[in-house]
Amino acid sequence: FSLKEQKTPNSILKNRIRLNSGSTYDQGQYKPSSPSSPKSRGLQSSTSFNDLAMAAVSSSSITDSMNALKKITDCDAPLGLILDLKSRHVPMRVWSLVLDAMRGMGARVEGIASFYQEDIRDMSKYCIAPVKEIMFFHSAGDLQKACHDGLIRRGDSVFFNAGSLFWNFPGRKSELCVSLLQNLCMLQFDAEECKKNYKFQPYARVLDTKSSCNDKKGNTKGEDDETECSSETNALMRSQSDDSEDDNCIKFTERRSSTIQQYKDHFEISIGLYVQEFAIDEKSMDLLVKFVNKYSNVYDLGFSWGGVNGVTVRGIEPGRFTSTDGLWNQRYAGERWHEHLYPHRLQ
């Protein structure tokens, strides 16, 4: 969000940006508070949703931003760009001209991405040089649905919101009502205790590829294949969890389900994750980083993070009726993951 100066005949109203810590400063004239200041030692308890529109926005140029990213990533290699196409009213031929023009000026456009497959599919045929197509999804369930709807091709690259690895939309309205009633009846809500109970959904589980159902010999395709695969998923449910007593260990909800890994192996796709940076707490972020690093063979495109300045993640805490898993309102736009669906019927 950008904040613009509003000029009046009598005065100029200066922009004032409010950090989640509760402090304010004039844009361009900010001076850090003293370390001994009470405000510098404590953070305002907030989910940051109300502070989103007031978050600090950099006024640096693209060149300055690129240099900052190089410094943060400690990388001397040229940075590449992935363009997120937002408009559905621009023909692919026009986008291809934009890509060719950017490449002609020296930009390394590594790929184009969109939530709508038809906006980018086969755009390379309009470009001077091929460009990677990347499909964005709101949730893991969206990816599963796209696979069953025939929208995913072998070798595709996809990204979905990592928050859906923690949260799946309830399959029945009764489950949602029970969850709401439990929160209402809770005498006191403890955010720290809530974060200690974070668990990944069963479909996020990564199985041992050596014993994967795809590698079993003599197994026929179809109904038997799904039954055997689902049984193995259930059998390996406990063994793939981190048994450490550390609060930051990787834990999974114990339930039988198909997995993201099975769809990845079937379609040979590359998978990456992203989050809504203003809606994720530090515990969720830490778990996701550990998860992606541990299972980089599945999430080979990594974990994308856009909150470089860190301002938007200060003081974010879950509430009685608000989740801070990074999914935010995409939880209502994305499809739920259907545990009983498996990719092995698909050709």
Protein backbone atom coordinates (compact mmCIF):
# COMPACT_ATOMS: atom_id res chain seq x y z
CA PHE A 1 0.00 0.00 0.00
CA SER A 2 1.38 3.41 -0.89
CA LEU A 3 0.57 6.56 1.02
CA LYS A 4 0.37 9.82 -0.90
CA GLU A 5 0.77 13.39 0.37
CA GLN A 6 -2.41 15.40 0.38
CA LYS A 7 -1.83 19.06 -0.38
CA THR A 8 -4.24 21.68 0.99
CA PRO A 9 -4.22 25.48 0.46
CA ASN A 10 -3.01 26.04 4.03
CA SER A 11 -0.62 23.18 4.69
CA ILE A 12 0.82 19.91 3.59
CA LEU A 13 -0.32 16.91 5.55
CA LYS A 14 2.77 14.81 6.12
CA ASN A 15 2.52 11.06 5.94
CA ARG A 16 2.91 9.37 9.27
CA ILE A 17 3.54 5.66 9.32
CA ARG A 18 2.59 3.67 12.41
CA LEU A 19 4.63 0.56 13.15
CA ASN A 20 3.14 -2.44 14.92
CA SER A 21 5.18 -1.44 17.95
CA GLY A 22 2.95 1.60 18.32
CA SER A 23 5.61 4.19 17.40
CA THR A 24 5.18 6.75 14.62
CA TYR A 25 7.57 8.60 12.41
CA ASP A 26 7.57 11.05 9.52
CA GLN A 27 8.31 9.30 6.25
CA GLY A 28 11.90 9.99 5.24
CA GLN A 29 12.78 11.39 8.69
CA TYR A 30 12.68 8.26 10.81
CA LYS A 31 15.19 7.91 13.63
CA PRO A 32 15.33 4.66 15.62
CA SER A 33 14.33 4.96 19.23
CA SER A 34 16.89 4.44 21.95
CA PRO A 35 17.46 0.82 23.02
CA SER A 36 16.51 1.84 26.54
CA SER A 37 13.16 3.17 25.39
CA PRO A 38 10.21 1.16 26.75
CA LYS A 39 8.66 1.05 23.29
CA SER A 40 11.83 -0.40 21.81
CA ARG A 41 11.77 -3.24 24.34
CA GLY A 42 8.11 -4.22 23.98
CA LEU A 43 5.81 -4.80 21.04
CA GLN A 44 2.18 -3.93 20.82
CA SER A 45 0.00 -7.04 20.93
CA SER A 46 -1.63 -7.12 17.53
CA THR A 47 -2.56 -9.41 14.68
CA SER A 48 -1.38 -6.59 12.38
CA PHE A 49 -4.55 -6.68 10.28
CA ASN A 50 -5.50 -3.16 11.39
CA ASP A 51 -1.93 -1.97 10.81
CA LEU A 52 -1.62 -3.37 7.31
CA ALA A 53 -2.69 -0.20 5.51
CA MET A 54 -0.29 1.84 7.64
CA ALA A 55 2.76 -0.37 7.07
CA ALA A 56 5.92 1.43 5.98
CA VAL A 57 6.43 1.47 2.21
CA SER A 58 9.87 1.91 0.72
CA SER A 59 10.35 4.84 -1.65
CA SER A 60 13.54 3.38 -3.15
CA SER A 61 13.98 2.79 -6.87
CA ILE A 62 13.95 -0.62 -8.53
CA THR A 63 17.75 -0.47 -8.78
CA ASP A 64 18.04 0.26 -5.05
CA SER A 65 15.68 -2.59 -4.26
CA MET A 66 17.66 -5.02 -6.42
CA ASN A 67 20.88 -3.99 -4.68
CA ALA A 68 19.23 -4.50 -1.29
CA LEU A 69 18.10 -8.00 -2.29
CA LYS A 70 21.62 -8.88 -3.44
CA LYS A 71 22.97 -7.80 -0.08
CA ILE A 72 20.33 -9.76 1.85
CA THR A 73 20.78 -12.94 -0.19
CA ASP A 74 24.57 -12.52 -0.29
CA CYS A 75 24.48 -13.41 -3.96
CA ASP A 76 26.54 -11.86 -6.75
CA ALA A 77 24.68 -13.65 -9.52
CA PRO A 78 22.20 -11.59 -11.57
CA LEU A 79 18.74 -11.56 -10.05
CA GLY A 80 15.88 -13.02 -12.04
CA LEU A 81 12.27 -11.87 -12.17
CA ILE A 82 9.00 -13.80 -12.03
CA LEU A 83 6.15 -11.60 -13.23
CA ASP A 84 2.81 -12.05 -11.44
CA LEU A 85 0.12 -11.23 -14.02
CA LYS A 86 -2.88 -9.63 -12.30
CA SER A 87 -4.95 -8.39 -15.24
CA ARG A 88 -7.22 -10.82 -17.07
CA HIS A 89 -8.02 -8.29 -19.77
CA VAL A 90 -4.63 -8.27 -21.53
CA PRO A 91 -4.11 -10.75 -24.41
CA MET A 92 -1.08 -13.05 -24.30
CA ARG A 93 0.30 -11.42 -27.45
CA VAL A 94 0.52 -8.12 -25.58
CA TRP A 95 2.16 -9.74 -22.52
CA SER A 96 4.67 -11.43 -24.82
CA LEU A 97 5.66 -8.02 -26.21
CA VAL A 98 6.17 -6.76 -22.64
CA LEU A 99 8.36 -9.77 -21.83
CA ASP A 100 10.43 -9.37 -24.99
CA ALA A 101 10.88 -5.65 -24.30
CA MET A 102 12.03 -6.27 -20.70
CA ARG A 103 14.46 -8.94 -21.84
CA GLY A 104 15.69 -6.62 -24.55
CA MET A 105 16.54 -4.05 -21.87
CA GLY A 106 18.58 -6.61 -19.94
CA ALA A 107 16.05 -7.94 -17.41
CA ARG A 108 16.24 -11.68 -16.66
CA VAL A 109 12.58 -12.68 -16.78
CA GLU A 110 12.68 -16.26 -15.48
CA GLY A 111 8.96 -16.86 -15.57
CA ILE A 112 5.39 -15.59 -15.64
CA ALA A 113 2.77 -16.53 -13.08
CA SER A 114 -0.99 -16.27 -12.73
CA PHE A 115 -3.90 -17.70 -10.75
CA TYR A 116 -5.61 -18.32 -14.09
CA GLN A 117 -4.07 -21.05 -16.22
CA GLU A 118 -5.59 -19.77 -19.45
CA ASP A 119 -3.78 -16.43 -19.07
CA ILE A 120 -0.29 -17.89 -19.43
CA ARG A 121 -0.55 -21.38 -20.93
CA ASP A 122 1.70 -21.72 -24.02
CA MET A 123 2.75 -18.06 -23.94
CA SER A 124 6.23 -19.11 -25.08
CA LYS A 125 4.95 -19.49 -28.64
CA TYR A 126 4.39 -15.73 -28.73
CA CYS A 127 7.80 -14.82 -27.23
CA ILE A 128 11.19 -14.61 -28.89
CA ALA A 129 12.60 -17.01 -26.27
CA PRO A 130 10.73 -19.57 -24.13
CA VAL A 131 9.46 -18.48 -20.71
CA LYS A 132 8.54 -20.70 -17.75
CA GLU A 133 4.85 -20.76 -16.84
CA ILE A 134 4.03 -20.85 -13.12
CA MET A 135 0.56 -21.55 -11.78
CA PHE A 136 -0.49 -19.85 -8.53
CA PHE A 137 -3.07 -21.44 -6.23
CA HIS A 138 -4.74 -20.27 -3.04
CA SER A 139 -4.42 -23.63 -1.32
CA ALA A 140 -3.13 -27.17 -1.64
CA GLY A 141 -6.72 -28.17 -2.32
CA ASP A 142 -6.74 -25.92 -5.39
CA LEU A 143 -3.72 -27.82 -6.71
CA GLN A 144 -5.46 -31.15 -6.11
CA LYS A 145 -8.61 -29.95 -7.90
CA ALA A 146 -6.59 -28.62 -10.85
CA CYS A 147 -4.93 -32.03 -11.21
CA HIS A 148 -8.29 -33.79 -11.32
CA ASP A 149 -9.74 -31.17 -13.68
CA GLY A 150 -6.96 -31.77 -16.20
CA LEU A 151 -5.42 -28.30 -15.83
CA ILE A 152 -2.00 -29.55 -14.72
CA ARG A 153 0.48 -30.93 -17.22
CA ARG A 154 3.49 -33.06 -16.46
CA GLY A 155 6.46 -30.90 -15.57
CA ASP A 156 4.41 -27.84 -14.58
CA SER A 157 5.62 -25.42 -11.91
CA VAL A 158 3.13 -24.43 -9.19
CA PHE A 159 2.97 -22.31 -6.04
CA PHE A 160 0.31 -22.36 -3.33
CA ASN A 161 -0.16 -20.70 0.05
CA ALA A 162 1.81 -22.62 2.69
CA GLY A 163 -0.82 -21.76 5.30
CA SER A 164 -3.00 -24.47 3.77
CA LEU A 165 -0.48 -27.01 5.07
CA PHE A 166 -1.71 -26.07 8.57
CA TRP A 167 -5.40 -25.52 7.87
CA ASN A 168 -7.95 -27.37 5.75
CA PHE A 169 -11.53 -26.16 5.38
CA PRO A 170 -13.82 -28.43 7.45
CA GLY A 171 -15.48 -31.13 5.37
CA ARG A 172 -18.77 -30.78 7.26
CA LYS A 173 -20.51 -27.74 8.70
CA SER A 174 -20.74 -29.56 12.03
CA GLU A 175 -16.94 -29.61 12.31
CA LEU A 176 -16.81 -25.85 11.81
CA CYS A 177 -19.56 -25.28 14.40
CA VAL A 178 -17.76 -27.46 16.95
CA SER A 179 -14.55 -25.52 16.44
CA LEU A 180 -16.32 -22.18 16.90
CA LEU A 181 -18.12 -23.39 20.04
CA GLN A 182 -14.85 -24.60 21.54
CA ASN A 183 -13.32 -21.16 21.04
CA LEU A 184 -16.39 -19.45 22.51
CA CYS A 185 -16.40 -21.65 25.61
CA MET A 186 -12.71 -21.14 26.26
CA LEU A 187 -12.38 -19.07 29.44
CA GLN A 188 -9.05 -17.60 28.48
CA PHE A 189 -7.25 -17.67 25.16
CA ASP A 190 -3.49 -18.17 25.33
CA ALA A 191 -1.72 -17.28 22.07
CA GLU A 192 1.52 -18.99 23.08
CA GLU A 193 -0.27 -22.19 23.99
CA CYS A 194 -2.10 -22.05 20.68
CA LYS A 195 1.19 -21.80 18.78
CA LYS A 196 2.60 -24.79 20.67
CA ASN A 197 -0.18 -26.94 19.20
CA TYR A 198 0.50 -26.11 15.55
CA LYS A 199 0.41 -29.23 13.38
CA PHE A 200 0.68 -29.89 9.67
CA GLN A 201 -2.26 -31.47 7.88
CA PRO A 202 -1.96 -35.19 7.02
CA TYR A 203 -1.69 -34.47 3.30
CA ALA A 204 1.53 -32.51 3.97
CA ARG A 205 3.25 -35.68 5.13
CA VAL A 206 6.23 -36.80 3.09
CA LEU A 207 6.67 -40.54 2.72
CA ASP A 208 9.84 -42.54 2.26
CA THR A 209 10.20 -42.73 -1.51
CA LYS A 210 11.89 -46.13 -1.28
CA SER A 211 8.74 -47.63 0.18
CA SER A 212 6.31 -45.47 -1.76
CA CYS A 213 3.27 -47.19 -3.19
CA ASN A 214 4.38 -46.10 -6.66
CA ASP A 215 7.41 -48.39 -6.40
CA LYS A 216 5.58 -51.53 -5.23
CA LYS A 217 5.70 -54.34 -7.75
CA GLY A 218 2.73 -56.33 -8.88
CA ASN A 219 0.26 -53.67 -7.86
CA THR A 220 -2.53 -52.97 -10.33
CA LYS A 221 -3.88 -49.56 -11.16
CA GLY A 222 -7.27 -48.47 -9.91
CA GLU A 223 -9.22 -49.14 -6.76
CA ASP A 224 -6.70 -51.60 -5.22
CA ASP A 225 -3.87 -49.14 -5.86
CA GLU A 226 -5.67 -46.40 -3.96
CA THR A 227 -6.49 -48.71 -1.05
CA GLU A 228 -2.92 -49.93 -0.67
CA CYS A 229 -1.52 -46.44 -1.01
CA SER A 230 -3.92 -45.01 1.57
CA SER A 231 -3.08 -47.82 3.99
CA GLU A 232 0.61 -47.11 3.66
CA THR A 233 -0.02 -43.42 4.18
CA ASN A 234 -1.80 -44.29 7.42
CA ALA A 235 0.94 -46.74 8.49
CA LEU A 236 3.75 -44.24 8.04
CA MET A 237 1.81 -41.44 9.69
CA ARG A 238 3.72 -41.53 12.97
CA SER A 239 7.15 -42.42 11.62
CA GLN A 240 7.43 -39.25 9.58
CA SER A 241 6.79 -36.89 12.50
CA ASP A 242 9.62 -35.29 14.42
CA ASP A 243 9.49 -37.02 17.81
CA SER A 244 11.48 -34.31 19.55
CA GLU A 245 9.91 -32.65 22.57
CA ASP A 246 10.95 -29.29 21.21
CA ASP A 247 7.97 -26.98 20.63
CA ASN A 248 9.37 -26.17 17.20
CA CYS A 249 9.35 -29.77 15.96
CA ILE A 250 7.35 -30.80 12.90
CA LYS A 251 4.11 -32.54 13.86
CA PHE A 252 1.26 -33.89 11.76
CA THR A 253 -2.43 -34.40 12.39
CA GLU A 254 -3.03 -38.15 12.59
CA ARG A 255 -5.53 -39.03 9.89
CA ARG A 256 -5.51 -41.10 6.71
CA SER A 257 -5.10 -38.99 3.58
CA SER A 258 -3.61 -38.76 0.14
CA THR A 259 -0.54 -36.53 0.05
CA ILE A 260 0.88 -33.65 -1.94
CA GLN A 261 3.95 -35.77 -2.59
CA GLN A 262 1.84 -38.37 -4.41
CA TYR A 263 0.52 -35.70 -6.80
CA LYS A 264 4.02 -34.31 -7.29
CA ASP A 265 5.41 -37.73 -8.16
CA HIS A 266 2.50 -38.56 -10.47
CA PHE A 267 2.64 -35.31 -12.46
CA GLU A 268 6.39 -34.69 -12.01
CA ILE A 269 5.64 -31.09 -11.04
CA SER A 270 7.83 -28.55 -9.25
CA ILE A 271 6.25 -27.06 -6.12
CA GLY A 272 6.91 -23.80 -4.28
CA LEU A 273 5.21 -22.12 -1.34
CA TYR A 274 4.30 -18.54 -0.41
CA VAL A 275 2.40 -16.85 2.43
CA GLN A 276 0.62 -13.60 3.19
CA GLU A 277 3.48 -11.99 5.12
CA PHE A 278 1.29 -9.66 7.16
CA ALA A 279 -0.79 -12.57 8.47
CA ILE A 280 1.79 -15.03 9.77
CA ASP A 281 3.35 -15.32 13.22
CA GLU A 282 6.96 -16.24 13.91
CA LYS A 283 6.14 -19.82 15.00
CA SER A 284 4.31 -20.64 11.77
CA MET A 285 7.12 -19.10 9.75
CA ASP A 286 9.79 -21.04 11.65
CA LEU A 287 7.94 -24.34 11.17
CA LEU A 288 7.49 -23.72 7.45
CA VAL A 289 11.17 -22.90 6.95
CA LYS A 290 12.18 -26.11 8.75
CA PHE A 291 9.56 -28.09 6.82
CA VAL A 292 10.67 -26.86 3.39
CA ASN A 293 14.36 -27.34 4.20
CA LYS A 294 13.69 -30.88 5.43
CA TYR A 295 11.54 -31.84 2.44
CA SER A 296 13.25 -29.86 -0.31
CA ASN A 297 12.88 -32.87 -2.58
CA VAL A 298 9.13 -32.19 -2.64
CA TYR A 299 9.14 -28.39 -2.38
CA ASP A 300 11.95 -27.92 -4.86
CA LEU A 301 10.99 -24.31 -5.69
CA GLY A 302 11.42 -23.33 -2.05
CA PHE A 303 9.57 -20.95 0.23
CA SER A 304 8.98 -17.47 -1.18
CA TRP A 305 9.01 -14.53 1.22
CA GLY A 306 8.23 -10.94 0.30
CA GLY A 307 8.44 -9.22 3.71
CA VAL A 308 12.02 -8.07 3.30
CA ASN A 309 11.74 -5.09 5.66
CA GLY A 310 10.25 -7.20 8.45
CA VAL A 311 7.89 -4.40 9.54
CA THR A 312 4.74 -6.32 8.68
CA VAL A 313 5.56 -9.32 10.88
CA ARG A 314 6.12 -7.57 14.22
CA GLY A 315 3.79 -8.57 17.03
CA ILE A 316 1.55 -10.87 14.99
CA GLU A 317 -0.32 -13.24 17.30
CA PRO A 318 -3.23 -15.65 16.77
CA GLY A 319 -6.54 -14.69 18.36
CA ARG A 320 -9.61 -16.52 19.53
CA PHE A 321 -11.17 -16.21 16.07
CA THR A 322 -8.15 -15.25 13.95
CA SER A 323 -5.47 -17.58 12.62
CA THR A 324 -1.98 -16.34 11.83
CA ASP A 325 -0.78 -19.20 9.66
CA GLY A 326 -0.17 -16.99 6.61
CA LEU A 327 -3.29 -18.16 4.77
CA TRP A 328 -5.44 -15.13 5.75
CA ASN A 329 -8.64 -14.77 3.68
CA GLN A 330 -7.38 -17.18 1.04
CA ARG A 331 -8.73 -19.92 3.31
CA TYR A 332 -12.21 -18.93 2.10
CA ALA A 333 -11.25 -18.69 -1.58
CA GLY A 334 -9.31 -21.94 -1.90
CA GLU A 335 -10.64 -25.47 -2.24
CA ARG A 336 -10.34 -27.92 0.64
CA TRP A 337 -8.06 -30.95 0.29
CA HIS A 338 -10.10 -34.14 -0.19
CA GLU A 339 -8.32 -36.89 1.68
CA HIS A 340 -10.08 -39.70 -0.22
CA LEU A 341 -8.90 -38.54 -3.66
CA TYR A 342 -5.69 -40.00 -5.06
CA PRO A 343 -3.84 -39.24 -8.32
CA HIS A 344 -3.46 -42.85 -9.45
CA ARG A 345 -6.72 -42.96 -11.43
CA LEU A 346 -5.54 -40.04 -13.50
CA GLN A 347 -3.76 -40.77 -16.77
